[in-house]
Amino acid sequence: MADLKGAEDLSHLESRLNEIAVIMRQDPEPASGSSEAAEDADLDDLGEFDEEYLNLNSLMDEIDTFMTSLEQKNDSLYAKLQDLLHENRAVLQAFQEEREAKEKAV
């Protein structure tokens, strides 16, 4: 279930990145008319870039949250694997000691 949620999050992030990439590739429309109209068009473009920046910033926050969650899961998994490794080594050592004791008894 957790893997499915992670896959959905990753899929969502990929689609958001694709949306931002499409927006970033679009050429701004050339301004026509007087210099005042050009300045107004530039201001409009700044507003559009502000929106793109906010979208990109939001996307980066989502990626950061996803990566932090992934890092925490990785750390937890690593700790569990370390515990399992130590337990397996202890069991193996116990079996070896038991076998050696049986061999000495025979």
C-alpha atoms as a PDB file:
ATOM      1  CA  MET A   1       0.000   0.000   0.000  1.00  0.00           C
ATOM      2  CA  ALA A   2       2.826   2.416   0.876  1.00  0.00           C
ATOM      3  CA  ASP A   3       4.580   1.562  -2.406  1.00  0.00           C
ATOM      4  CA  LEU A   4       1.395   2.383  -4.318  1.00  0.00           C
ATOM      5  CA  LYS A   5       1.159   5.770  -2.572  1.00  0.00           C
ATOM      6  CA  GLY A   6       4.800   6.491  -3.396  1.00  0.00           C
ATOM      7  CA  ALA A   7       4.243   5.557  -7.029  1.00  0.00           C
ATOM      8  CA  GLU A   8       1.188   7.817  -7.197  1.00  0.00           C
ATOM      9  CA  ASP A   9       3.193  10.682  -5.657  1.00  0.00           C
ATOM     10  CA  LEU A  10       5.995  10.143  -8.149  1.00  0.00           C
ATOM     11  CA  SER A  11       3.539  10.024 -11.039  1.00  0.00           C
ATOM     12  CA  HIS A  12       1.934  13.250  -9.822  1.00  0.00           C
ATOM     13  CA  LEU A  13       5.330  14.946  -9.580  1.00  0.00           C
ATOM     14  CA  GLU A  14       6.268  13.804 -13.080  1.00  0.00           C
ATOM     15  CA  SER A  15       3.052  15.227 -14.528  1.00  0.00           C
ATOM     16  CA  ARG A  16       3.622  18.526 -12.709  1.00  0.00           C
ATOM     17  CA  LEU A  17       7.195  18.678 -14.048  1.00  0.00           C
ATOM     18  CA  ASN A  18       5.902  18.067 -17.558  1.00  0.00           C
ATOM     19  CA  GLU A  19       3.365  20.888 -17.152  1.00  0.00           C
ATOM     20  CA  ILE A  20       6.090  23.275 -16.002  1.00  0.00           C
ATOM     21  CA  ALA A  21       8.368  22.191 -18.873  1.00  0.00           C
ATOM     22  CA  VAL A  22       5.616  22.928 -21.413  1.00  0.00           C
ATOM     23  CA  ILE A  23       5.042  26.368 -19.897  1.00  0.00           C
ATOM     24  CA  MET A  24       8.753  27.125 -19.862  1.00  0.00           C
ATOM     25  CA  ARG A  25       9.117  26.158 -23.551  1.00  0.00           C
ATOM     26  CA  GLN A  26       6.353  28.496 -24.708  1.00  0.00           C
ATOM     27  CA  ASP A  27       7.580  31.660 -26.373  1.00  0.00           C
ATOM     28  CA  PRO A  28       6.148  34.884 -24.980  1.00  0.00           C
ATOM     29  CA  GLU A  29       3.923  36.698 -27.445  1.00  0.00           C
ATOM     30  CA  PRO A  30       5.633  39.719 -29.042  1.00  0.00           C
ATOM     31  CA  ALA A  31       4.335  43.059 -27.845  1.00  0.00           C
ATOM     32  CA  SER A  32       2.869  45.341 -30.482  1.00  0.00           C
ATOM     33  CA  GLY A  33       2.027  49.050 -30.486  1.00  0.00           C
ATOM     34  CA  SER A  34       3.541  51.839 -28.471  1.00  0.00           C
ATOM     35  CA  SER A  35       6.302  51.561 -25.909  1.00  0.00           C
ATOM     36  CA  GLU A  36       3.648  51.936 -23.169  1.00  0.00           C
ATOM     37  CA  ALA A  37       1.855  48.907 -24.574  1.00  0.00           C
ATOM     38  CA  ALA A  38       5.182  47.067 -24.636  1.00  0.00           C
ATOM     39  CA  GLU A  39       5.785  47.955 -20.978  1.00  0.00           C
ATOM     40  CA  ASP A  40       2.293  46.734 -20.087  1.00  0.00           C
ATOM     41  CA  ALA A  41       2.978  43.499 -21.967  1.00  0.00           C
ATOM     42  CA  ASP A  42       6.259  43.133 -20.080  1.00  0.00           C
ATOM     43  CA  LEU A  43       4.435  43.610 -16.782  1.00  0.00           C
ATOM     44  CA  ASP A  44       1.878  41.026 -17.855  1.00  0.00           C
ATOM     45  CA  ASP A  45       4.744  38.666 -18.698  1.00  0.00           C
ATOM     46  CA  LEU A  46       6.207  39.268 -15.235  1.00  0.00           C
ATOM     47  CA  GLY A  47       2.856  38.298 -13.747  1.00  0.00           C
ATOM     48  CA  GLU A  48       2.906  35.131 -15.837  1.00  0.00           C
ATOM     49  CA  PHE A  49       6.462  34.406 -14.715  1.00  0.00           C
ATOM     50  CA  ASP A  50       5.419  34.996 -11.102  1.00  0.00           C
ATOM     51  CA  GLU A  51       2.729  32.363 -11.536  1.00  0.00           C
ATOM     52  CA  GLU A  52       5.207  30.003 -13.188  1.00  0.00           C
ATOM     53  CA  TYR A  53       7.679  30.683 -10.389  1.00  0.00           C
ATOM     54  CA  LEU A  54       5.021  29.955  -7.769  1.00  0.00           C
ATOM     55  CA  ASN A  55       4.077  26.746  -9.581  1.00  0.00           C
ATOM     56  CA  LEU A  56       7.711  25.737  -9.833  1.00  0.00           C
ATOM     57  CA  ASN A  57       8.297  26.608  -6.173  1.00  0.00           C
ATOM     58  CA  SER A  58       5.268  24.553  -5.175  1.00  0.00           C
ATOM     59  CA  LEU A  59       6.516  21.658  -7.263  1.00  0.00           C
ATOM     60  CA  MET A  60       9.955  21.871  -5.680  1.00  0.00           C
ATOM     61  CA  ASP A  61       8.328  21.794  -2.236  1.00  0.00           C
ATOM     62  CA  GLU A  62       6.405  18.671  -3.228  1.00  0.00           C
ATOM     63  CA  ILE A  63       9.592  17.046  -4.520  1.00  0.00           C
ATOM     64  CA  ASP A  64      11.410  17.963  -1.307  1.00  0.00           C
ATOM     65  CA  THR A  65       8.627  16.473   0.803  1.00  0.00           C
ATOM     66  CA  PHE A  66       8.580  13.323  -1.321  1.00  0.00           C
ATOM     67  CA  MET A  67      12.364  12.960  -1.183  1.00  0.00           C
ATOM     68  CA  THR A  68      12.420  13.526   2.594  1.00  0.00           C
ATOM     69  CA  SER A  69       9.788  10.827   3.013  1.00  0.00           C
ATOM     70  CA  LEU A  70      11.733   8.503   0.742  1.00  0.00           C
ATOM     71  CA  GLU A  71      14.947   9.171   2.665  1.00  0.00           C
ATOM     72  CA  GLN A  72      13.219   8.410   5.972  1.00  0.00           C
ATOM     73  CA  LYS A  73      11.842   5.144   4.597  1.00  0.00           C
ATOM     74  CA  ASN A  74      15.290   4.249   3.280  1.00  0.00           C
ATOM     75  CA  ASP A  75      16.890   4.962   6.672  1.00  0.00           C
ATOM     76  CA  SER A  76      14.244   2.878   8.427  1.00  0.00           C
ATOM     77  CA  LEU A  77      14.718  -0.004   6.011  1.00  0.00           C
ATOM     78  CA  TYR A  78      18.499   0.162   6.413  1.00  0.00           C
ATOM     79  CA  ALA A  79      18.172   0.035  10.218  1.00  0.00           C
ATOM     80  CA  LYS A  80      15.824  -2.967   9.989  1.00  0.00           C
ATOM     81  CA  LEU A  81      18.214  -4.763   7.636  1.00  0.00           C
ATOM     82  CA  GLN A  82      21.117  -4.080  10.012  1.00  0.00           C
ATOM     83  CA  ASP A  83      19.098  -5.552  12.897  1.00  0.00           C
ATOM     84  CA  LEU A  84      18.223  -8.604  10.815  1.00  0.00           C
ATOM     85  CA  LEU A  85      21.874  -9.067   9.840  1.00  0.00           C
ATOM     86  CA  HIS A  86      22.986  -8.956  13.485  1.00  0.00           C
ATOM     87  CA  GLU A  87      20.261 -11.412  14.492  1.00  0.00           C
ATOM     88  CA  ASN A  88      21.240 -13.799  11.692  1.00  0.00           C
ATOM     89  CA  ARG A  89      24.892 -13.617  12.691  1.00  0.00           C
ATOM     90  CA  ALA A  90      23.971 -14.397  16.312  1.00  0.00           C
ATOM     91  CA  VAL A  91      21.842 -17.379  15.244  1.00  0.00           C
ATOM     92  CA  LEU A  92      24.618 -18.649  12.960  1.00  0.00           C
ATOM     93  CA  GLN A  93      27.167 -18.349  15.745  1.00  0.00           C
ATOM     94  CA  ALA A  94      24.843 -20.202  18.140  1.00  0.00           C
ATOM     95  CA  PHE A  95      24.387 -23.012  15.602  1.00  0.00           C
ATOM     96  CA  GLN A  96      28.148 -23.258  15.068  1.00  0.00           C
ATOM     97  CA  GLU A  97      28.800 -23.398  18.808  1.00  0.00           C
ATOM     98  CA  GLU A  98      26.106 -26.056  19.227  1.00  0.00           C
ATOM     99  CA  ARG A  99      27.583 -28.128  16.394  1.00  0.00           C
ATOM    100  CA  GLU A 100      31.094 -27.826  17.839  1.00  0.00           C
ATOM    101  CA  ALA A 101      29.799 -28.910  21.254  1.00  0.00           C
ATOM    102  CA  LYS A 102      28.118 -31.979  19.688  1.00  0.00           C
ATOM    103  CA  GLU A 103      31.300 -32.859  17.787  1.00  0.00           C
ATOM    104  CA  LYS A 104      33.369 -32.675  20.996  1.00  0.00           C
ATOM    105  CA  ALA A 105      30.833 -34.866  22.776  1.00  0.00           C
ATOM    106  CA  VAL A 106      31.090 -37.579  20.119  1.00  0.00           C
END
